[in-house]
Amino acid sequence: MLVKVPPGEAIKLISDKQAHFIIFFGITLLCSRGMRESYGLKMLLWLAVLGFVLEAVQWLVPWRSFSWLDWFADIAGILSYHILFLIKARIQNYRS
């Protein structure tokens, strides 16, 4: 079965907030793996600032808008990865 999508419209498989969560979860994962020595609270704060700046830039673009909920979804993705990171570290320390 084929689905015809009108021009200019996309098929949404996930919501905008879910996309923000997943993207910032992934960015945090990459930062924790790529910059092990620098990973910590300071990096988490910089990632949150990055999310805010990206939202603020959208406010300047006429067809986009700033959304606090998008930024909160970014922060939720950052914190969710960090919590899993801490749980994994605690389990590894417990086993050794």
N, C-alpha and C. Protein backbone atom coordinates (compact mmCIF):
# COMPACT_ATOMS: atom_id res chain seq x y z
N MET A 1 0.84 -1.18 0.00
CA MET A 1 0.00 0.00 0.00
C MET A 1 0.89 1.24 0.00
N LEU A 2 0.61 2.16 -0.87
CA LEU A 2 1.36 3.40 -0.96
C LEU A 2 0.57 4.53 -0.32
N VAL A 3 1.30 5.42 0.33
CA VAL A 3 0.68 6.59 0.95
C VAL A 3 1.19 7.82 0.22
N LYS A 4 0.27 8.63 -0.25
CA LYS A 4 0.66 9.85 -0.94
C LYS A 4 0.69 10.99 0.07
N VAL A 5 1.85 11.65 0.17
CA VAL A 5 2.03 12.77 1.08
C VAL A 5 2.04 14.05 0.25
N PRO A 6 1.18 15.01 0.61
CA PRO A 6 1.16 16.27 -0.13
C PRO A 6 2.52 16.95 -0.10
N PRO A 7 2.88 17.67 -1.15
CA PRO A 7 4.17 18.37 -1.18
C PRO A 7 4.31 19.32 0.00
N GLY A 8 5.50 19.35 0.57
CA GLY A 8 5.76 20.25 1.68
C GLY A 8 5.35 19.72 3.04
N GLU A 9 4.75 18.55 3.08
CA GLU A 9 4.35 17.96 4.36
C GLU A 9 5.18 16.70 4.60
N ALA A 10 5.52 16.48 5.84
CA ALA A 10 6.31 15.31 6.20
C ALA A 10 5.46 14.33 7.00
N ILE A 11 5.82 13.09 6.94
CA ILE A 11 5.16 12.09 7.77
C ILE A 11 5.85 12.14 9.13
N LYS A 12 5.07 12.40 10.16
CA LYS A 12 5.65 12.50 11.50
C LYS A 12 5.52 11.15 12.20
N LEU A 13 6.67 10.54 12.48
CA LEU A 13 6.69 9.29 13.21
C LEU A 13 6.80 9.52 14.71
N ILE A 14 7.44 10.63 15.08
CA ILE A 14 7.56 11.00 16.49
C ILE A 14 7.22 12.48 16.61
N SER A 15 6.88 12.88 17.82
CA SER A 15 6.54 14.29 18.04
C SER A 15 7.81 15.14 18.08
N ASP A 16 7.62 16.43 17.99
CA ASP A 16 8.73 17.38 18.05
C ASP A 16 9.46 17.25 19.39
N LYS A 17 8.72 17.10 20.47
CA LYS A 17 9.34 17.00 21.80
C LYS A 17 10.15 15.71 21.93
N GLN A 18 9.63 14.63 21.37
CA GLN A 18 10.37 13.36 21.39
C GLN A 18 11.67 13.49 20.59
N ALA A 19 11.60 14.20 19.48
CA ALA A 19 12.80 14.41 18.66
C ALA A 19 13.85 15.21 19.44
N HIS A 20 13.42 16.26 20.13
CA HIS A 20 14.35 17.05 20.95
C HIS A 20 14.99 16.17 22.03
N PHE A 21 14.18 15.37 22.70
CA PHE A 21 14.68 14.47 23.75
C PHE A 21 15.72 13.52 23.18
N ILE A 22 15.40 12.84 22.09
CA ILE A 22 16.29 11.84 21.49
C ILE A 22 17.59 12.48 21.00
N ILE A 23 17.48 13.62 20.35
CA ILE A 23 18.67 14.28 19.81
C ILE A 23 19.62 14.70 20.95
N PHE A 24 19.09 15.30 22.01
CA PHE A 24 19.97 15.74 23.09
C PHE A 24 20.44 14.58 23.96
N PHE A 25 19.69 13.50 24.04
CA PHE A 25 20.16 12.27 24.69
C PHE A 25 21.40 11.79 23.91
N GLY A 26 21.27 11.76 22.57
CA GLY A 26 22.37 11.30 21.73
C GLY A 26 23.58 12.21 21.78
N ILE A 27 23.36 13.52 21.78
CA ILE A 27 24.48 14.46 21.87
C ILE A 27 25.22 14.27 23.19
N THR A 28 24.48 14.07 24.26
CA THR A 28 25.09 13.87 25.58
C THR A 28 25.89 12.56 25.60
N LEU A 29 25.34 11.51 24.99
CA LEU A 29 26.05 10.23 24.89
C LEU A 29 27.37 10.43 24.13
N LEU A 30 27.31 11.11 22.99
CA LEU A 30 28.52 11.34 22.21
C LEU A 30 29.55 12.15 22.98
N CYS A 31 29.10 13.16 23.72
CA CYS A 31 30.02 13.97 24.52
C CYS A 31 30.65 13.15 25.63
N SER A 32 29.87 12.29 26.25
CA SER A 32 30.42 11.48 27.35
C SER A 32 31.45 10.48 26.83
N ARG A 33 31.25 9.99 25.62
CA ARG A 33 32.19 9.03 25.03
C ARG A 33 33.41 9.72 24.42
N GLY A 34 33.18 10.84 23.77
CA GLY A 34 34.26 11.51 23.05
C GLY A 34 35.15 12.38 23.91
N MET A 35 34.61 12.88 25.02
CA MET A 35 35.38 13.78 25.88
C MET A 35 35.28 13.29 27.33
N ARG A 36 35.76 12.09 27.56
CA ARG A 36 35.63 11.45 28.87
C ARG A 36 36.18 12.31 30.01
N GLU A 37 37.34 12.93 29.78
CA GLU A 37 37.96 13.72 30.85
C GLU A 37 37.15 14.98 31.17
N SER A 38 36.46 15.52 30.17
CA SER A 38 35.71 16.76 30.35
C SER A 38 34.26 16.54 30.74
N TYR A 39 33.80 15.27 30.67
CA TYR A 39 32.38 15.01 30.92
C TYR A 39 32.06 15.23 32.40
N GLY A 40 31.01 15.98 32.66
CA GLY A 40 30.58 16.24 34.02
C GLY A 40 29.53 17.34 34.02
N LEU A 41 29.31 17.91 35.19
CA LEU A 41 28.29 18.94 35.36
C LEU A 41 28.51 20.12 34.42
N LYS A 42 29.75 20.53 34.24
CA LYS A 42 30.05 21.67 33.37
C LYS A 42 29.59 21.38 31.94
N MET A 43 29.86 20.18 31.45
CA MET A 43 29.44 19.83 30.10
C MET A 43 27.92 19.78 29.99
N LEU A 44 27.26 19.26 31.02
CA LEU A 44 25.80 19.20 31.00
C LEU A 44 25.20 20.60 30.92
N LEU A 45 25.80 21.53 31.64
CA LEU A 45 25.32 22.91 31.60
C LEU A 45 25.54 23.52 30.21
N TRP A 46 26.69 23.24 29.60
CA TRP A 46 26.96 23.76 28.25
C TRP A 46 25.98 23.18 27.24
N LEU A 47 25.61 21.91 27.39
CA LEU A 47 24.63 21.31 26.49
C LEU A 47 23.26 21.96 26.66
N ALA A 48 22.90 22.27 27.91
CA ALA A 48 21.63 22.97 28.16
C ALA A 48 21.66 24.37 27.54
N VAL A 49 22.80 25.05 27.64
CA VAL A 49 22.95 26.36 27.02
C VAL A 49 22.84 26.23 25.50
N LEU A 50 23.45 25.20 24.93
CA LEU A 50 23.34 24.96 23.50
C LEU A 50 21.87 24.82 23.09
N GLY A 51 21.10 24.04 23.84
CA GLY A 51 19.68 23.88 23.54
C GLY A 51 18.94 25.21 23.59
N PHE A 52 19.27 26.03 24.58
CA PHE A 52 18.62 27.34 24.71
C PHE A 52 18.99 28.24 23.53
N VAL A 53 20.26 28.25 23.17
CA VAL A 53 20.72 29.10 22.05
C VAL A 53 20.04 28.67 20.75
N LEU A 54 19.93 27.38 20.53
CA LEU A 54 19.26 26.90 19.32
C LEU A 54 17.80 27.34 19.29
N GLU A 55 17.15 27.33 20.43
CA GLU A 55 15.76 27.82 20.50
C GLU A 55 15.71 29.32 20.28
N ALA A 56 16.65 30.06 20.88
CA ALA A 56 16.67 31.52 20.74
C ALA A 56 16.88 31.92 19.28
N VAL A 57 17.73 31.20 18.57
CA VAL A 57 17.98 31.50 17.16
C VAL A 57 16.69 31.32 16.36
N GLN A 58 15.89 30.33 16.72
CA GLN A 58 14.63 30.10 16.02
C GLN A 58 13.67 31.28 16.19
N TRP A 59 13.77 31.97 17.31
CA TRP A 59 12.94 33.14 17.56
C TRP A 59 13.23 34.24 16.54
N LEU A 60 14.46 34.27 16.03
CA LEU A 60 14.87 35.30 15.07
C LEU A 60 14.44 34.97 13.64
N VAL A 61 14.07 33.73 13.39
CA VAL A 61 13.68 33.31 12.05
C VAL A 61 12.17 33.46 11.92
N PRO A 62 11.69 34.16 10.90
CA PRO A 62 10.26 34.48 10.80
C PRO A 62 9.31 33.26 10.82
N TRP A 63 9.69 32.16 10.22
CA TRP A 63 8.78 31.01 10.14
C TRP A 63 9.00 30.00 11.25
N ARG A 64 9.87 30.34 12.21
CA ARG A 64 10.11 29.47 13.36
C ARG A 64 9.71 30.21 14.64
N SER A 65 9.69 29.49 15.75
CA SER A 65 9.35 30.15 17.01
C SER A 65 10.11 29.51 18.17
N PHE A 66 10.33 30.32 19.19
CA PHE A 66 10.97 29.86 20.43
C PHE A 66 9.96 29.04 21.21
N SER A 67 10.40 27.93 21.79
CA SER A 67 9.51 27.11 22.60
C SER A 67 10.22 26.65 23.87
N TRP A 68 9.68 27.08 25.01
CA TRP A 68 10.23 26.62 26.28
C TRP A 68 10.11 25.11 26.40
N LEU A 69 9.02 24.53 25.90
CA LEU A 69 8.83 23.08 26.00
C LEU A 69 9.88 22.31 25.20
N ASP A 70 10.30 22.86 24.07
CA ASP A 70 11.39 22.23 23.31
C ASP A 70 12.67 22.23 24.15
N TRP A 71 12.94 23.35 24.80
CA TRP A 71 14.14 23.44 25.61
C TRP A 71 14.06 22.48 26.81
N PHE A 72 12.89 22.36 27.41
CA PHE A 72 12.73 21.42 28.52
C PHE A 72 12.91 19.98 28.04
N ALA A 73 12.48 19.68 26.81
CA ALA A 73 12.70 18.34 26.25
C ALA A 73 14.19 18.10 26.02
N ASP A 74 14.92 19.13 25.60
CA ASP A 74 16.38 19.03 25.45
C ASP A 74 17.01 18.67 26.80
N ILE A 75 16.62 19.40 27.82
CA ILE A 75 17.18 19.19 29.16
C ILE A 75 16.80 17.80 29.68
N ALA A 76 15.58 17.36 29.41
CA ALA A 76 15.16 16.02 29.83
C ALA A 76 16.04 14.95 29.17
N GLY A 77 16.37 15.12 27.90
CA GLY A 77 17.26 14.18 27.22
C GLY A 77 18.65 14.17 27.82
N ILE A 78 19.16 15.36 28.14
CA ILE A 78 20.49 15.49 28.75
C ILE A 78 20.51 14.79 30.11
N LEU A 79 19.52 15.10 30.95
CA LEU A 79 19.49 14.54 32.30
C LEU A 79 19.21 13.04 32.30
N SER A 80 18.39 12.57 31.38
CA SER A 80 18.09 11.13 31.30
C SER A 80 19.35 10.34 30.98
N TYR A 81 20.12 10.82 30.01
CA TYR A 81 21.37 10.12 29.71
C TYR A 81 22.29 10.16 30.92
N HIS A 82 22.40 11.33 31.55
CA HIS A 82 23.32 11.46 32.68
C HIS A 82 22.93 10.53 33.84
N ILE A 83 21.65 10.41 34.10
CA ILE A 83 21.19 9.50 35.16
C ILE A 83 21.58 8.06 34.81
N LEU A 84 21.36 7.66 33.56
CA LEU A 84 21.76 6.30 33.16
C LEU A 84 23.28 6.12 33.25
N PHE A 85 24.02 7.18 32.90
CA PHE A 85 25.48 7.15 33.00
C PHE A 85 25.91 6.93 34.45
N LEU A 86 25.28 7.63 35.38
CA LEU A 86 25.61 7.48 36.80
C LEU A 86 25.24 6.10 37.33
N ILE A 87 24.09 5.58 36.92
CA ILE A 87 23.67 4.24 37.35
C ILE A 87 24.66 3.20 36.85
N LYS A 88 25.06 3.31 35.58
CA LYS A 88 26.03 2.37 35.01
C LYS A 88 27.35 2.44 35.77
N ALA A 89 27.83 3.65 36.07
CA ALA A 89 29.09 3.82 36.80
C ALA A 89 29.01 3.21 38.20
N ARG A 90 27.87 3.38 38.85
CA ARG A 90 27.70 2.81 40.19
C ARG A 90 27.69 1.29 40.15
N ILE A 91 27.04 0.72 39.15
CA ILE A 91 27.01 -0.74 39.00
C ILE A 91 28.41 -1.27 38.73
N GLN A 92 29.16 -0.59 37.87
CA GLN A 92 30.53 -1.02 37.57
C GLN A 92 31.41 -0.93 38.81
N ASN A 93 31.25 0.13 39.62
CA ASN A 93 32.04 0.26 40.85
C ASN A 93 31.63 -0.80 41.86
N TYR A 94 30.37 -1.15 41.90
CA TYR A 94 29.89 -2.18 42.84
C TYR A 94 30.46 -3.54 42.48
N ARG A 95 30.56 -3.82 41.19
CA ARG A 95 31.06 -5.13 40.73
C ARG A 95 32.57 -5.25 40.91
N SER A 96 33.29 -4.16 40.95
CA SER A 96 34.75 -4.26 41.05
C SER A 96 35.25 -4.07 42.45
